[in-house]
Amino acid sequence: MSKAKYDALPAAYQKAIVDSARRAAVYHRQLNKNEEGTIIESLKKAGMTVTENFDKAAFEKIVYQPVRASYAEKFGTDVLSAIEAEK
């Protein structure tokens, strides 16, 4: 949905959309968590090498921070800050 369309909705509809999206996100994260082991095992059985333990800080330094900086330059930090607050 475009921001203009969302902004044109009554406040009650906006709240319903946001509340539903938040509930769906919680459900989806739990579903992923529940299925992670099965998915990893199926990938391994298919011959894929799966790295389960890695240096998250090093990964973020190499990937996350440059991508975040590029996004922030184009779109600002409001959305990024909201996403990071949900972690």
PDB file of N, CA and C in Angstrom:
ATOM      1  N   MET A   1       0.853  -1.158   0.000  1.00  0.00           N
ATOM      2  CA  MET A   1       0.000   0.000   0.000  1.00  0.00           C
ATOM      3  C   MET A   1       0.901   1.224   0.000  1.00  0.00           C
ATOM      4  N   SER A   2       0.549   2.203  -0.799  1.00  0.00           N
ATOM      5  CA  SER A   2       1.330   3.434  -0.826  1.00  0.00           C
ATOM      6  C   SER A   2       1.080   4.238   0.448  1.00  0.00           C
ATOM      7  N   LYS A   3       2.033   5.065   0.788  1.00  0.00           N
ATOM      8  CA  LYS A   3       1.887   5.915   1.970  1.00  0.00           C
ATOM      9  C   LYS A   3       0.698   6.849   1.800  1.00  0.00           C
ATOM     10  N   ALA A   4       0.495   7.372   0.591  1.00  0.00           N
ATOM     11  CA  ALA A   4      -0.635   8.277   0.356  1.00  0.00           C
ATOM     12  C   ALA A   4      -1.959   7.569   0.615  1.00  0.00           C
ATOM     13  N   LYS A   5      -2.075   6.331   0.161  1.00  0.00           N
ATOM     14  CA  LYS A   5      -3.302   5.552   0.376  1.00  0.00           C
ATOM     15  C   LYS A   5      -3.496   5.278   1.867  1.00  0.00           C
ATOM     16  N   TYR A   6      -2.414   4.872   2.537  1.00  0.00           N
ATOM     17  CA  TYR A   6      -2.476   4.602   3.971  1.00  0.00           C
ATOM     18  C   TYR A   6      -2.892   5.866   4.726  1.00  0.00           C
ATOM     19  N   ASP A   7      -2.253   6.982   4.417  1.00  0.00           N
ATOM     20  CA  ASP A   7      -2.551   8.248   5.098  1.00  0.00           C
ATOM     21  C   ASP A   7      -3.986   8.708   4.876  1.00  0.00           C
ATOM     22  N   ALA A   8      -4.584   8.279   3.760  1.00  0.00           N
ATOM     23  CA  ALA A   8      -5.959   8.682   3.453  1.00  0.00           C
ATOM     24  C   ALA A   8      -6.995   7.855   4.222  1.00  0.00           C
ATOM     25  N   LEU A   9      -6.569   6.766   4.827  1.00  0.00           N
ATOM     26  CA  LEU A   9      -7.495   5.912   5.569  1.00  0.00           C
ATOM     27  C   LEU A   9      -7.851   6.545   6.914  1.00  0.00           C
ATOM     28  N   PRO A  10      -9.035   6.224   7.424  1.00  0.00           N
ATOM     29  CA  PRO A  10      -9.386   6.673   8.774  1.00  0.00           C
ATOM     30  C   PRO A  10      -8.398   6.094   9.794  1.00  0.00           C
ATOM     31  N   ALA A  11      -8.204   6.809  10.893  1.00  0.00           N
ATOM     32  CA  ALA A  11      -7.245   6.385  11.920  1.00  0.00           C
ATOM     33  C   ALA A  11      -7.519   4.971  12.421  1.00  0.00           C
ATOM     34  N   ALA A  12      -8.780   4.603  12.559  1.00  0.00           N
ATOM     35  CA  ALA A  12      -9.122   3.256  13.041  1.00  0.00           C
ATOM     36  C   ALA A  12      -8.645   2.183  12.061  1.00  0.00           C
ATOM     37  N   TYR A  13      -8.733   2.459  10.772  1.00  0.00           N
ATOM     38  CA  TYR A  13      -8.258   1.502   9.765  1.00  0.00           C
ATOM     39  C   TYR A  13      -6.739   1.414   9.795  1.00  0.00           C
ATOM     40  N   GLN A  14      -6.085   2.559   9.940  1.00  0.00           N
ATOM     41  CA  GLN A  14      -4.629   2.569  10.029  1.00  0.00           C
ATOM     42  C   GLN A  14      -4.169   1.730  11.222  1.00  0.00           C
ATOM     43  N   LYS A  15      -4.837   1.909  12.349  1.00  0.00           N
ATOM     44  CA  LYS A  15      -4.490   1.151  13.551  1.00  0.00           C
ATOM     45  C   LYS A  15      -4.706  -0.341  13.323  1.00  0.00           C
ATOM     46  N   ALA A  16      -5.808  -0.700  12.685  1.00  0.00           N
ATOM     47  CA  ALA A  16      -6.091  -2.115  12.415  1.00  0.00           C
ATOM     48  C   ALA A  16      -5.007  -2.722  11.525  1.00  0.00           C
ATOM     49  N   ILE A  17      -4.553  -1.991  10.539  1.00  0.00           N
ATOM     50  CA  ILE A  17      -3.510  -2.482   9.633  1.00  0.00           C
ATOM     51  C   ILE A  17      -2.203  -2.667  10.388  1.00  0.00           C
ATOM     52  N   VAL A  18      -1.813  -1.668  11.167  1.00  0.00           N
ATOM     53  CA  VAL A  18      -0.553  -1.746  11.913  1.00  0.00           C
ATOM     54  C   VAL A  18      -0.609  -2.866  12.948  1.00  0.00           C
ATOM     55  N   ASP A  19      -1.709  -2.955  13.683  1.00  0.00           N
ATOM     56  CA  ASP A  19      -1.845  -4.012  14.693  1.00  0.00           C
ATOM     57  C   ASP A  19      -1.794  -5.395  14.049  1.00  0.00           C
ATOM     58  N   SER A  20      -2.467  -5.546  12.924  1.00  0.00           N
ATOM     59  CA  SER A  20      -2.471  -6.835  12.225  1.00  0.00           C
ATOM     60  C   SER A  20      -1.084  -7.181  11.701  1.00  0.00           C
ATOM     61  N   ALA A  21      -0.384  -6.193  11.179  1.00  0.00           N
ATOM     62  CA  ALA A  21       0.975  -6.429  10.673  1.00  0.00           C
ATOM     63  C   ALA A  21       1.907  -6.850  11.800  1.00  0.00           C
ATOM     64  N   ARG A  22       1.756  -6.228  12.950  1.00  0.00           N
ATOM     65  CA  ARG A  22       2.597  -6.599  14.094  1.00  0.00           C
ATOM     66  C   ARG A  22       2.299  -8.029  14.554  1.00  0.00           C
ATOM     67  N   ARG A  23       1.029  -8.389  14.610  1.00  0.00           N
ATOM     68  CA  ARG A  23       0.664  -9.766  14.997  1.00  0.00           C
ATOM     69  C   ARG A  23       1.193 -10.765  13.965  1.00  0.00           C
ATOM     70  N   ALA A  24       1.081 -10.415  12.700  1.00  0.00           N
ATOM     71  CA  ALA A  24       1.579 -11.302  11.642  1.00  0.00           C
ATOM     72  C   ALA A  24       3.094 -11.460  11.730  1.00  0.00           C
ATOM     73  N   ALA A  25       3.798 -10.392  12.071  1.00  0.00           N
ATOM     74  CA  ALA A  25       5.253 -10.462  12.199  1.00  0.00           C
ATOM     75  C   ALA A  25       5.650 -11.400  13.334  1.00  0.00           C
ATOM     76  N   VAL A  26       4.964 -11.296  14.472  1.00  0.00           N
ATOM     77  CA  VAL A  26       5.251 -12.178  15.607  1.00  0.00           C
ATOM     78  C   VAL A  26       4.992 -13.628  15.213  1.00  0.00           C
ATOM     79  N   TYR A  27       3.871 -13.880  14.556  1.00  0.00           N
ATOM     80  CA  TYR A  27       3.529 -15.238  14.113  1.00  0.00           C
ATOM     81  C   TYR A  27       4.584 -15.762  13.133  1.00  0.00           C
ATOM     82  N   HIS A  28       4.969 -14.932  12.181  1.00  0.00           N
ATOM     83  CA  HIS A  28       5.931 -15.353  11.158  1.00  0.00           C
ATOM     84  C   HIS A  28       7.289 -15.654  11.782  1.00  0.00           C
ATOM     85  N   ARG A  29       7.733 -14.827  12.719  1.00  0.00           N
ATOM     86  CA  ARG A  29       9.015 -15.081  13.392  1.00  0.00           C
ATOM     87  C   ARG A  29       8.969 -16.399  14.160  1.00  0.00           C
ATOM     88  N   GLN A  30       7.858 -16.666  14.839  1.00  0.00           N
ATOM     89  CA  GLN A  30       7.725 -17.921  15.582  1.00  0.00           C
ATOM     90  C   GLN A  30       7.700 -19.110  14.624  1.00  0.00           C
ATOM     91  N   LEU A  31       6.997 -18.972  13.525  1.00  0.00           N
ATOM     92  CA  LEU A  31       6.950 -20.030  12.518  1.00  0.00           C
ATOM     93  C   LEU A  31       8.353 -20.325  11.991  1.00  0.00           C
ATOM     94  N   ASN A  32       9.109 -19.279  11.671  1.00  0.00           N
ATOM     95  CA  ASN A  32      10.485 -19.469  11.205  1.00  0.00           C
ATOM     96  C   ASN A  32      11.329 -20.167  12.262  1.00  0.00           C
ATOM     97  N   LYS A  33      11.183 -19.736  13.509  1.00  0.00           N
ATOM     98  CA  LYS A  33      11.948 -20.337  14.596  1.00  0.00           C
ATOM     99  C   LYS A  33      11.615 -21.820  14.735  1.00  0.00           C
ATOM    100  N   ASN A  34      10.330 -22.158  14.644  1.00  0.00           N
ATOM    101  CA  ASN A  34       9.889 -23.550  14.773  1.00  0.00           C
ATOM    102  C   ASN A  34      10.390 -24.424  13.626  1.00  0.00           C
ATOM    103  N   GLU A  35      10.490 -23.852  12.443  1.00  0.00           N
ATOM    104  CA  GLU A  35      10.846 -24.630  11.252  1.00  0.00           C
ATOM    105  C   GLU A  35      12.334 -24.585  10.919  1.00  0.00           C
ATOM    106  N   GLU A  36      13.092 -23.745  11.610  1.00  0.00           N
ATOM    107  CA  GLU A  36      14.498 -23.535  11.260  1.00  0.00           C
ATOM    108  C   GLU A  36      15.298 -24.832  11.220  1.00  0.00           C
ATOM    109  N   GLY A  37      15.176 -25.651  12.243  1.00  0.00           N
ATOM    110  CA  GLY A  37      15.930 -26.903  12.289  1.00  0.00           C
ATOM    111  C   GLY A  37      15.613 -27.819  11.126  1.00  0.00           C
ATOM    112  N   THR A  38      14.348 -27.950  10.814  1.00  0.00           N
ATOM    113  CA  THR A  38      13.924 -28.804   9.698  1.00  0.00           C
ATOM    114  C   THR A  38      14.453 -28.272   8.372  1.00  0.00           C
ATOM    115  N   ILE A  39      14.382 -26.972   8.200  1.00  0.00           N
ATOM    116  CA  ILE A  39      14.865 -26.363   6.960  1.00  0.00           C
ATOM    117  C   ILE A  39      16.368 -26.554   6.814  1.00  0.00           C
ATOM    118  N   ILE A  40      17.109 -26.326   7.892  1.00  0.00           N
ATOM    119  CA  ILE A  40      18.566 -26.485   7.839  1.00  0.00           C
ATOM    120  C   ILE A  40      18.926 -27.927   7.502  1.00  0.00           C
ATOM    121  N   GLU A  41      18.261 -28.870   8.128  1.00  0.00           N
ATOM    122  CA  GLU A  41      18.544 -30.276   7.845  1.00  0.00           C
ATOM    123  C   GLU A  41      18.238 -30.636   6.396  1.00  0.00           C
ATOM    124  N   SER A  42      17.151 -30.111   5.851  1.00  0.00           N
ATOM    125  CA  SER A  42      16.826 -30.421   4.454  1.00  0.00           C
ATOM    126  C   SER A  42      17.849 -29.803   3.504  1.00  0.00           C
ATOM    127  N   LEU A  43      18.362 -28.632   3.842  1.00  0.00           N
ATOM    128  CA  LEU A  43      19.401 -28.012   3.020  1.00  0.00           C
ATOM    129  C   LEU A  43      20.683 -28.840   3.059  1.00  0.00           C
ATOM    130  N   LYS A  44      21.037 -29.320   4.245  1.00  0.00           N
ATOM    131  CA  LYS A  44      22.230 -30.157   4.376  1.00  0.00           C
ATOM    132  C   LYS A  44      22.076 -31.454   3.591  1.00  0.00           C
ATOM    133  N   LYS A  45      20.896 -32.071   3.691  1.00  0.00           N
ATOM    134  CA  LYS A  45      20.645 -33.319   2.959  1.00  0.00           C
ATOM    135  C   LYS A  45      20.719 -33.108   1.452  1.00  0.00           C
ATOM    136  N   ALA A  46      20.404 -31.893   1.011  1.00  0.00           N
ATOM    137  CA  ALA A  46      20.465 -31.578  -0.415  1.00  0.00           C
ATOM    138  C   ALA A  46      21.889 -31.246  -0.862  1.00  0.00           C
ATOM    139  N   GLY A  47      22.843 -31.268   0.095  1.00  0.00           N
ATOM    140  CA  GLY A  47      24.243 -31.052  -0.255  1.00  0.00           C
ATOM    141  C   GLY A  47      24.759 -29.643   0.003  1.00  0.00           C
ATOM    142  N   MET A  48      23.960 -28.805   0.591  1.00  0.00           N
ATOM    143  CA  MET A  48      24.383 -27.436   0.840  1.00  0.00           C
ATOM    144  C   MET A  48      25.203 -27.363   2.126  1.00  0.00           C
ATOM    145  N   THR A  49      26.230 -26.530   2.101  1.00  0.00           N
ATOM    146  CA  THR A  49      26.992 -26.254   3.309  1.00  0.00           C
ATOM    147  C   THR A  49      26.280 -25.133   4.050  1.00  0.00           C
ATOM    148  N   VAL A  50      25.939 -25.373   5.302  1.00  0.00           N
ATOM    149  CA  VAL A  50      25.211 -24.399   6.105  1.00  0.00           C
ATOM    150  C   VAL A  50      26.120 -23.934   7.251  1.00  0.00           C
ATOM    151  N   THR A  51      26.364 -22.648   7.308  1.00  0.00           N
ATOM    152  CA  THR A  51      27.157 -22.073   8.393  1.00  0.00           C
ATOM    153  C   THR A  51      26.191 -21.581   9.452  1.00  0.00           C
ATOM    154  N   GLU A  52      26.158 -22.279  10.566  1.00  0.00           N
ATOM    155  CA  GLU A  52      25.197 -21.944  11.619  1.00  0.00           C
ATOM    156  C   GLU A  52      25.768 -20.991  12.661  1.00  0.00           C
ATOM    157  N   ASN A  53      27.057 -21.069  12.893  1.00  0.00           N
ATOM    158  CA  ASN A  53      27.695 -20.198  13.876  1.00  0.00           C
ATOM    159  C   ASN A  53      28.674 -19.284  13.149  1.00  0.00           C
ATOM    160  N   PHE A  54      28.463 -17.999  13.271  1.00  0.00           N
ATOM    161  CA  PHE A  54      29.334 -17.047  12.603  1.00  0.00           C
ATOM    162  C   PHE A  54      29.480 -15.808  13.465  1.00  0.00           C
ATOM    163  N   ASP A  55      30.466 -15.006  13.148  1.00  0.00           N
ATOM    164  CA  ASP A  55      30.735 -13.780  13.894  1.00  0.00           C
ATOM    165  C   ASP A  55      29.772 -12.698  13.420  1.00  0.00           C
ATOM    166  N   LYS A  56      28.681 -12.537  14.157  1.00  0.00           N
ATOM    167  CA  LYS A  56      27.636 -11.595  13.767  1.00  0.00           C
ATOM    168  C   LYS A  56      28.160 -10.155  13.689  1.00  0.00           C
ATOM    169  N   ALA A  57      28.995  -9.777  14.624  1.00  0.00           N
ATOM    170  CA  ALA A  57      29.531  -8.411  14.636  1.00  0.00           C
ATOM    171  C   ALA A  57      30.355  -8.140  13.379  1.00  0.00           C
ATOM    172  N   ALA A  58      31.168  -9.096  12.978  1.00  0.00           N
ATOM    173  CA  ALA A  58      31.971  -8.924  11.760  1.00  0.00           C
ATOM    174  C   ALA A  58      31.066  -8.846  10.532  1.00  0.00           C
ATOM    175  N   PHE A  59      30.046  -9.675  10.500  1.00  0.00           N
ATOM    176  CA  PHE A  59      29.095  -9.671   9.388  1.00  0.00           C
ATOM    177  C   PHE A  59      28.399  -8.315   9.298  1.00  0.00           C
ATOM    178  N   GLU A  60      27.932  -7.811  10.437  1.00  0.00           N
ATOM    179  CA  GLU A  60      27.258  -6.513  10.437  1.00  0.00           C
ATOM    180  C   GLU A  60      28.186  -5.399   9.977  1.00  0.00           C
ATOM    181  N   LYS A  61      29.449  -5.467  10.403  1.00  0.00           N
ATOM    182  CA  LYS A  61      30.408  -4.439  10.006  1.00  0.00           C
ATOM    183  C   LYS A  61      30.604  -4.436   8.494  1.00  0.00           C
ATOM    184  N   ILE A  62      30.681  -5.613   7.918  1.00  0.00           N
ATOM    185  CA  ILE A  62      30.938  -5.722   6.477  1.00  0.00           C
ATOM    186  C   ILE A  62      29.686  -5.451   5.649  1.00  0.00           C
ATOM    187  N   VAL A  63      28.536  -5.944   6.088  1.00  0.00           N
ATOM    188  CA  VAL A  63      27.323  -5.880   5.277  1.00  0.00           C
ATOM    189  C   VAL A  63      26.311  -4.860   5.791  1.00  0.00           C
ATOM    190  N   TYR A  64      25.905  -5.003   7.026  1.00  0.00           N
ATOM    191  CA  TYR A  64      24.790  -4.223   7.544  1.00  0.00           C
ATOM    192  C   TYR A  64      25.055  -2.723   7.541  1.00  0.00           C
ATOM    193  N   GLN A  65      26.174  -2.324   8.122  1.00  0.00           N
ATOM    194  CA  GLN A  65      26.428  -0.895   8.258  1.00  0.00           C
ATOM    195  C   GLN A  65      26.506  -0.165   6.918  1.00  0.00           C
ATOM    196  N   PRO A  66      27.218  -0.682   5.908  1.00  0.00           N
ATOM    197  CA  PRO A  66      27.231   0.009   4.609  1.00  0.00           C
ATOM    198  C   PRO A  66      25.848   0.065   3.943  1.00  0.00           C
ATOM    199  N   VAL A  67      25.092  -1.015   4.052  1.00  0.00           N
ATOM    200  CA  VAL A  67      23.748  -1.032   3.459  1.00  0.00           C
ATOM    201  C   VAL A  67      22.852  -0.045   4.197  1.00  0.00           C
ATOM    202  N   ARG A  68      22.944  -0.027   5.523  1.00  0.00           N
ATOM    203  CA  ARG A  68      22.153   0.909   6.317  1.00  0.00           C
ATOM    204  C   ARG A  68      22.491   2.346   5.949  1.00  0.00           C
ATOM    205  N   ALA A  69      23.775   2.653   5.828  1.00  0.00           N
ATOM    206  CA  ALA A  69      24.208   4.012   5.492  1.00  0.00           C
ATOM    207  C   ALA A  69      23.679   4.438   4.118  1.00  0.00           C
ATOM    208  N   SER A  70      23.721   3.527   3.157  1.00  0.00           N
ATOM    209  CA  SER A  70      23.224   3.824   1.813  1.00  0.00           C
ATOM    210  C   SER A  70      21.720   4.087   1.837  1.00  0.00           C
ATOM    211  N   TYR A  71      20.979   3.240   2.566  1.00  0.00           N
ATOM    212  CA  TYR A  71      19.530   3.417   2.675  1.00  0.00           C
ATOM    213  C   TYR A  71      19.206   4.745   3.361  1.00  0.00           C
ATOM    214  N   ALA A  72      19.909   5.025   4.453  1.00  0.00           N
ATOM    215  CA  ALA A  72      19.654   6.250   5.219  1.00  0.00           C
ATOM    216  C   ALA A  72      19.910   7.492   4.366  1.00  0.00           C
ATOM    217  N   GLU A  73      20.919   7.421   3.539  1.00  0.00           N
ATOM    218  CA  GLU A  73      21.235   8.555   2.664  1.00  0.00           C
ATOM    219  C   GLU A  73      20.097   8.823   1.682  1.00  0.00           C
ATOM    220  N   LYS A  74      19.503   7.771   1.173  1.00  0.00           N
ATOM    221  CA  LYS A  74      18.420   7.917   0.189  1.00  0.00           C
ATOM    222  C   LYS A  74      17.071   8.227   0.819  1.00  0.00           C
ATOM    223  N   PHE A  75      16.771   7.568   1.953  1.00  0.00           N
ATOM    224  CA  PHE A  75      15.410   7.611   2.494  1.00  0.00           C
ATOM    225  C   PHE A  75      15.292   8.167   3.913  1.00  0.00           C
ATOM    226  N   GLY A  76      16.393   8.452   4.547  1.00  0.00           N
ATOM    227  CA  GLY A  76      16.347   8.921   5.923  1.00  0.00           C
ATOM    228  C   GLY A  76      16.408   7.756   6.892  1.00  0.00           C
ATOM    229  N   THR A  77      16.340   8.073   8.184  1.00  0.00           N
ATOM    230  CA  THR A  77      16.519   7.034   9.194  1.00  0.00           C
ATOM    231  C   THR A  77      15.250   6.657   9.955  1.00  0.00           C
ATOM    232  N   ASP A  78      14.140   7.297   9.657  1.00  0.00           N
ATOM    233  CA  ASP A  78      12.910   7.017  10.406  1.00  0.00           C
ATOM    234  C   ASP A  78      12.517   5.537  10.339  1.00  0.00           C
ATOM    235  N   VAL A  79      12.463   4.988   9.136  1.00  0.00           N
ATOM    236  CA  VAL A  79      12.056   3.584   8.968  1.00  0.00           C
ATOM    237  C   VAL A  79      13.085   2.664   9.600  1.00  0.00           C
ATOM    238  N   LEU A  80      14.358   2.959   9.392  1.00  0.00           N
ATOM    239  CA  LEU A  80      15.414   2.129   9.978  1.00  0.00           C
ATOM    240  C   LEU A  80      15.324   2.105  11.492  1.00  0.00           C
ATOM    241  N   SER A  81      15.112   3.256  12.083  1.00  0.00           N
ATOM    242  CA  SER A  81      15.006   3.341  13.538  1.00  0.00           C
ATOM    243  C   SER A  81      13.807   2.545  14.043  1.00  0.00           C
ATOM    244  N   ALA A  82      12.704   2.597  13.325  1.00  0.00           N
ATOM    245  CA  ALA A  82      11.508   1.842  13.720  1.00  0.00           C
ATOM    246  C   ALA A  82      11.774   0.333  13.631  1.00  0.00           C
ATOM    247  N   ILE A  83      12.456  -0.089  12.580  1.00  0.00           N
ATOM    248  CA  ILE A  83      12.783  -1.509  12.422  1.00  0.00           C
ATOM    249  C   ILE A  83      13.714  -1.964  13.541  1.00  0.00           C
ATOM    250  N   GLU A  84      14.736  -1.168  13.809  1.00  0.00           N
ATOM    251  CA  GLU A  84      15.700  -1.537  14.834  1.00  0.00           C
ATOM    252  C   GLU A  84      15.063  -1.554  16.225  1.00  0.00           C
ATOM    253  N   ALA A  85      14.066  -0.741  16.438  1.00  0.00           N
ATOM    254  CA  ALA A  85      13.371  -0.730  17.729  1.00  0.00           C
ATOM    255  C   ALA A  85      12.573  -2.021  17.946  1.00  0.00           C
ATOM    256  N   GLU A  86      12.225  -2.702  16.868  1.00  0.00           N
ATOM    257  CA  GLU A  86      11.437  -3.938  16.959  1.00  0.00           C
ATOM    258  C   GLU A  86      12.309  -5.168  17.195  1.00  0.00           C
ATOM    259  N   LYS A  87      13.607  -5.028  17.087  1.00  0.00           N
ATOM    260  CA  LYS A  87      14.508  -6.195  17.249  1.00  0.00           C
ATOM    261  C   LYS A  87      14.456  -6.716  18.653  1.00  0.00           C
TER     262      LYS A  87
END
